[in-house]
Amino acid sequence: MKKFPLISVLLIVLLAACSPAAKQEEVKAPKVEGTEVSYTLDTLTMKGYLANDVNATGKRPGMLVVHEWWGHNDYARKRADMLAELGYVALAVDMYGNGKQANHPQDAMKFTSEVFASLDGAKARFEAALNTLKQNPNVDPTKIGAIGYCFGGSVVLSMANAGYDLDAVAAFHSGIQLPIWPEQGAVKGNILVCNGANDPMIMEADVANFKNKLDSAGASYTYISYPDAVHGFTSPTADENGKKFGLPLAYNAAADSASWAELRGLLERSFK
């Protein structure tokens, strides 16, 4: 058998290791960039925020984030950033229009009432955001989900009930006395509702009615009540707003963490 000098063997090994076949593509850490985006509906301009991992490649599932009754703010954008870190393209939507925000609960109630005063109008605002997300070049338009907080939870649940093609829908400290209930087979994807067990805004009768309506429609859903959690439990500013306006709001770190973990599981199952 022919013998090769040791230096020749080492050279062959080095060349093999450096060959294209042996190289592995470098995995880059997420680098999330947020961009303000405007989209229109008739004469109304909505001011949203798109979060994307610029180090990711290929088309990814898209996620809509619908704000609390305070309006499109930094909290909604933070959640969009968190979704982008997980590998999704996320659009924090503006359901009120013109980036309008409420500084007082009375204003918030007025704004939410204006949205739901016309169900067709509410759907149109949601569709405008949905179409904007689907048109993004980084988004796979066949894989779309939506999450919402408080008022936003009611919005995404109602849109799922209305039959929009959403693979995953999650609502946090959400109202469940909804303006739209599903017909048989209307809900296309998986639903997650995360509410506080001690939320005085959520009545046991409302929970029973919600479950009955979704069961009757054959929807796939999970409803979780977190012990000791009240309204606004995912928002770090809940305590401040609760004291300021005399509302039953409080942040709950354990429930916040647990509900986000539930969301991650939902998205992983839904976007296999």
Protein backbone atom coordinates (compact mmCIF):
# COMPACT_ATOMS: atom_id res chain seq x y z
CA MET A 1 0.00 0.00 0.00
CA LYS A 2 1.31 3.42 -0.96
CA LYS A 3 2.08 5.65 2.00
CA PHE A 4 1.54 9.45 1.99
CA PRO A 5 3.72 11.85 3.97
CA LEU A 6 2.03 13.25 7.08
CA ILE A 7 2.02 16.77 5.64
CA SER A 8 0.13 15.54 2.58
CA VAL A 9 -2.53 13.92 4.76
CA LEU A 10 -2.97 17.13 6.75
CA LEU A 11 -3.29 19.15 3.54
CA ILE A 12 -5.99 16.84 2.19
CA VAL A 13 -7.97 17.11 5.45
CA LEU A 14 -7.65 20.90 5.46
CA LEU A 15 -8.82 21.21 1.86
CA ALA A 16 -11.79 18.94 2.53
CA ALA A 17 -12.82 20.97 5.55
CA CYS A 18 -12.67 24.18 3.54
CA SER A 19 -14.56 22.82 0.55
CA PRO A 20 -18.06 24.24 -0.21
CA ALA A 21 -19.65 20.89 0.62
CA ALA A 22 -18.16 20.94 4.10
CA LYS A 23 -19.10 24.52 4.91
CA GLN A 24 -22.26 25.11 6.89
CA GLU A 25 -24.31 28.23 6.49
CA GLU A 26 -23.69 30.64 9.33
CA VAL A 27 -26.71 31.08 11.59
CA LYS A 28 -27.11 34.73 12.49
CA ALA A 29 -28.78 35.96 15.63
CA PRO A 30 -32.09 37.79 15.10
CA LYS A 31 -31.76 41.46 14.25
CA VAL A 32 -35.18 43.04 14.53
CA GLU A 33 -35.88 46.28 12.74
CA GLY A 34 -39.13 48.17 13.07
CA THR A 35 -40.58 50.39 10.37
CA GLU A 36 -43.54 52.71 10.52
CA VAL A 37 -46.02 51.90 7.77
CA SER A 38 -49.15 53.67 6.62
CA TYR A 39 -52.05 52.03 4.86
CA THR A 40 -55.37 53.45 3.83
CA LEU A 41 -59.07 52.67 3.82
CA ASP A 42 -61.07 55.12 1.77
CA THR A 43 -60.17 58.48 3.33
CA LEU A 44 -58.83 56.99 6.58
CA THR A 45 -55.09 56.57 7.04
CA MET A 46 -53.90 53.92 9.48
CA LYS A 47 -50.44 54.27 11.01
CA GLY A 48 -48.96 50.87 11.82
CA TYR A 49 -45.58 49.40 12.66
CA LEU A 50 -43.87 46.47 10.93
CA ALA A 51 -41.28 44.39 12.80
CA ASN A 52 -38.98 42.07 10.85
CA ASP A 53 -35.79 40.09 11.47
CA VAL A 54 -33.47 41.39 8.74
CA ASN A 55 -31.10 38.45 9.26
CA ALA A 56 -33.81 35.92 8.41
CA THR A 57 -34.16 34.58 4.88
CA GLY A 58 -37.11 33.33 2.90
CA LYS A 59 -40.79 33.95 3.44
CA ARG A 60 -42.12 33.62 6.99
CA PRO A 61 -45.56 33.51 8.61
CA GLY A 62 -47.10 36.91 9.20
CA MET A 63 -48.69 38.07 12.45
CA LEU A 64 -51.10 40.92 13.15
CA VAL A 65 -50.96 42.57 16.58
CA VAL A 66 -54.08 44.48 17.61
CA HIS A 67 -53.70 47.04 20.38
CA GLU A 68 -55.51 47.57 23.66
CA TRP A 69 -58.28 50.14 23.92
CA TRP A 70 -55.59 52.80 24.50
CA GLY A 71 -54.75 52.62 20.80
CA HIS A 72 -51.67 51.80 18.73
CA ASN A 73 -48.80 52.49 21.12
CA ASP A 74 -45.35 51.32 22.18
CA TYR A 75 -46.78 48.27 23.94
CA ALA A 76 -48.27 46.89 20.72
CA ARG A 77 -44.97 47.60 18.96
CA LYS A 78 -43.05 45.78 21.67
CA ARG A 79 -45.16 42.66 21.11
CA ALA A 80 -44.56 42.93 17.37
CA ASP A 81 -40.80 43.08 18.04
CA MET A 82 -41.06 40.00 20.25
CA LEU A 83 -42.83 38.07 17.51
CA ALA A 84 -40.17 39.13 14.99
CA GLU A 85 -37.50 37.76 17.33
CA LEU A 86 -39.29 34.41 17.12
CA GLY A 87 -39.10 34.41 13.33
CA TYR A 88 -42.39 36.00 12.29
CA VAL A 89 -43.08 39.20 10.39
CA ALA A 90 -45.39 41.22 12.63
CA LEU A 91 -47.59 44.20 11.89
CA ALA A 92 -48.87 46.20 14.84
CA VAL A 93 -52.09 47.56 13.39
CA ASP A 94 -53.96 50.81 13.92
CA MET A 95 -57.67 50.05 14.30
CA TYR A 96 -58.60 53.63 15.24
CA GLY A 97 -56.91 55.39 12.33
CA ASN A 98 -54.44 58.27 12.15
CA GLY A 99 -52.46 56.72 15.00
CA LYS A 100 -55.11 57.96 17.42
CA GLN A 101 -54.51 57.15 21.11
CA ALA A 102 -56.69 57.52 24.19
CA ASN A 103 -55.42 59.37 27.24
CA HIS A 104 -58.48 58.58 29.35
CA PRO A 105 -60.83 55.57 29.62
CA GLN A 106 -63.72 57.71 28.39
CA ASP A 107 -61.84 58.39 25.16
CA ALA A 108 -60.92 54.72 24.88
CA MET A 109 -64.56 53.66 25.21
CA LYS A 110 -65.54 56.21 22.58
CA PHE A 111 -62.90 54.98 20.13
CA THR A 112 -63.76 51.29 20.59
CA SER A 113 -67.45 52.04 20.19
CA GLU A 114 -66.73 53.86 16.94
CA VAL A 115 -64.92 50.81 15.56
CA PHE A 116 -67.67 48.34 16.45
CA ALA A 117 -70.53 50.70 15.56
CA SER A 118 -70.34 49.20 12.08
CA LEU A 119 -69.25 45.58 11.86
CA ASP A 120 -68.61 46.00 8.15
CA GLY A 121 -66.41 48.97 8.98
CA ALA A 122 -64.51 47.01 11.63
CA LYS A 123 -63.94 44.19 9.15
CA ALA A 124 -62.73 46.66 6.54
CA ARG A 125 -60.16 48.13 8.94
CA PHE A 126 -58.94 44.65 9.82
CA GLU A 127 -58.79 43.65 6.15
CA ALA A 128 -56.73 46.72 5.30
CA ALA A 129 -54.09 45.64 7.82
CA LEU A 130 -54.35 42.00 6.74
CA ASN A 131 -53.77 42.86 3.08
CA THR A 132 -50.86 45.13 3.96
CA LEU A 133 -49.20 42.28 5.84
CA LYS A 134 -49.83 39.73 3.09
CA GLN A 135 -48.27 42.02 0.50
CA ASN A 136 -44.99 42.26 2.38
CA PRO A 137 -42.29 40.44 0.37
CA ASN A 138 -41.01 38.61 3.46
CA VAL A 139 -44.42 37.15 4.34
CA ASP A 140 -45.92 33.84 3.26
CA PRO A 141 -49.51 34.99 2.60
CA THR A 142 -50.83 31.48 3.21
CA LYS A 143 -49.59 31.53 6.82
CA ILE A 144 -51.19 34.31 8.83
CA GLY A 145 -52.07 34.69 12.51
CA ALA A 146 -53.34 37.44 14.78
CA ILE A 147 -53.03 38.34 18.45
CA GLY A 148 -54.78 41.04 20.43
CA TYR A 149 -54.90 42.58 23.87
CA CYS A 150 -58.03 43.80 25.68
CA PHE A 151 -60.04 45.50 22.89
CA GLY A 152 -57.62 43.94 20.40
CA GLY A 153 -58.43 40.49 21.73
CA SER A 154 -62.10 41.07 21.02
CA VAL A 155 -61.17 42.22 17.52
CA VAL A 156 -59.11 39.16 16.59
CA LEU A 157 -61.62 36.74 18.10
CA SER A 158 -64.44 38.43 16.21
CA MET A 159 -62.51 38.29 12.95
CA ALA A 160 -61.77 34.60 13.45
CA ASN A 161 -65.48 34.06 14.11
CA ALA A 162 -66.30 35.99 10.94
CA GLY A 163 -64.38 33.41 8.93
CA TYR A 164 -61.13 35.15 8.06
CA ASP A 165 -58.40 32.71 7.07
CA LEU A 166 -56.25 32.93 10.18
CA ASP A 167 -54.14 29.92 11.17
CA ALA A 168 -53.74 31.03 14.77
CA VAL A 169 -55.54 33.61 16.90
CA ALA A 170 -54.66 34.53 20.48
CA ALA A 171 -56.43 36.96 22.81
CA PHE A 172 -55.05 38.26 26.11
CA HIS A 173 -57.19 39.79 28.89
CA SER A 174 -59.83 40.02 26.23
CA GLY A 175 -63.50 40.81 26.24
CA ILE A 176 -65.52 37.71 25.31
CA GLN A 177 -68.95 39.25 24.84
CA LEU A 178 -68.29 39.43 21.13
CA PRO A 179 -70.17 41.27 18.39
CA ILE A 180 -69.61 38.37 15.98
CA TRP A 181 -70.21 34.70 16.77
CA PRO A 182 -69.17 31.90 14.40
CA GLU A 183 -71.36 29.81 12.17
CA GLN A 184 -70.61 26.09 11.95
CA GLY A 185 -67.13 25.63 10.49
CA ALA A 186 -66.42 29.36 10.19
CA VAL A 187 -63.30 29.36 12.39
CA LYS A 188 -60.38 28.29 10.20
CA GLY A 189 -57.51 28.04 12.69
CA ASN A 190 -56.62 27.45 16.33
CA ILE A 191 -57.76 29.86 19.03
CA LEU A 192 -56.15 30.67 22.37
CA VAL A 193 -57.74 32.87 25.03
CA CYS A 194 -55.70 33.87 28.07
CA ASN A 195 -57.67 35.74 30.74
CA GLY A 196 -57.28 36.46 34.42
CA ALA A 197 -59.27 34.28 36.81
CA ASN A 198 -59.83 37.35 39.03
CA ASP A 199 -60.72 39.75 36.22
CA PRO A 200 -63.96 41.44 37.37
CA MET A 201 -64.73 42.31 33.75
CA ILE A 202 -65.08 38.61 32.86
CA MET A 203 -68.17 36.93 34.25
CA GLU A 204 -68.44 33.14 34.62
CA ALA A 205 -71.63 33.24 32.57
CA ASP A 206 -69.73 34.99 29.76
CA VAL A 207 -67.04 32.31 29.80
CA ALA A 208 -69.68 29.58 29.62
CA ASN A 209 -71.46 31.35 26.77
CA PHE A 210 -68.18 31.85 24.88
CA LYS A 211 -67.27 28.19 25.15
CA ASN A 212 -70.78 27.09 24.17
CA LYS A 213 -70.75 29.28 21.05
CA LEU A 214 -67.36 27.98 19.91
CA ASP A 215 -68.23 24.38 20.72
CA SER A 216 -71.41 24.67 18.68
CA ALA A 217 -69.41 26.00 15.73
CA GLY A 218 -66.86 23.18 15.95
CA ALA A 219 -63.99 25.59 16.63
CA SER A 220 -60.61 24.45 17.96
CA TYR A 221 -59.81 26.56 21.01
CA THR A 222 -58.09 26.67 24.39
CA TYR A 223 -59.37 28.90 27.19
CA ILE A 224 -57.03 29.56 30.12
CA SER A 225 -57.80 31.45 33.35
CA TYR A 226 -54.71 32.46 35.32
CA PRO A 227 -55.04 32.43 39.13
CA ASP A 228 -54.67 35.80 40.87
CA ALA A 229 -54.52 37.63 37.52
CA VAL A 230 -56.81 40.56 36.74
CA HIS A 231 -57.32 42.70 33.67
CA GLY A 232 -54.22 43.94 31.84
CA PHE A 233 -51.96 41.28 33.37
CA THR A 234 -49.48 41.30 30.44
CA SER A 235 -48.89 45.07 30.47
CA PRO A 236 -46.21 46.56 32.75
CA THR A 237 -48.10 49.87 32.76
CA ALA A 238 -51.31 48.27 34.05
CA ASP A 239 -50.64 49.12 37.71
CA GLU A 240 -49.99 52.78 36.90
CA ASN A 241 -53.13 53.09 34.78
CA GLY A 242 -55.17 51.21 37.36
CA LYS A 243 -54.23 53.64 40.11
CA LYS A 244 -54.56 56.68 37.89
CA PHE A 245 -58.07 55.89 36.70
CA GLY A 246 -59.38 53.68 39.49
CA LEU A 247 -59.60 50.60 37.28
CA PRO A 248 -59.04 46.92 38.24
CA LEU A 249 -55.76 46.65 36.29
CA ALA A 250 -52.52 45.01 37.42
CA TYR A 251 -49.46 43.46 35.85
CA ASN A 252 -48.80 39.81 36.72
CA ALA A 253 -45.34 38.62 35.68
CA ALA A 254 -46.12 34.92 36.14
CA ALA A 255 -49.28 35.08 34.04
CA ASP A 256 -47.54 37.24 31.44
CA SER A 257 -44.72 34.71 31.05
CA ALA A 258 -47.02 31.69 31.07
CA SER A 259 -49.41 33.16 28.49
CA TRP A 260 -46.54 34.07 26.15
CA ALA A 261 -45.27 30.50 26.39
CA GLU A 262 -48.78 29.29 25.48
CA LEU A 263 -48.73 31.61 22.47
CA ARG A 264 -45.39 30.25 21.29
CA GLY A 265 -46.74 26.72 21.51
CA LEU A 266 -49.85 27.73 19.57
CA LEU A 267 -47.82 29.29 16.77
CA GLU A 268 -45.44 26.36 16.54
CA ARG A 269 -48.40 23.95 16.19
CA SER A 270 -50.27 26.14 13.75
CA PHE A 271 -47.39 26.92 11.39
CA LYS A 272 -45.81 23.48 11.09
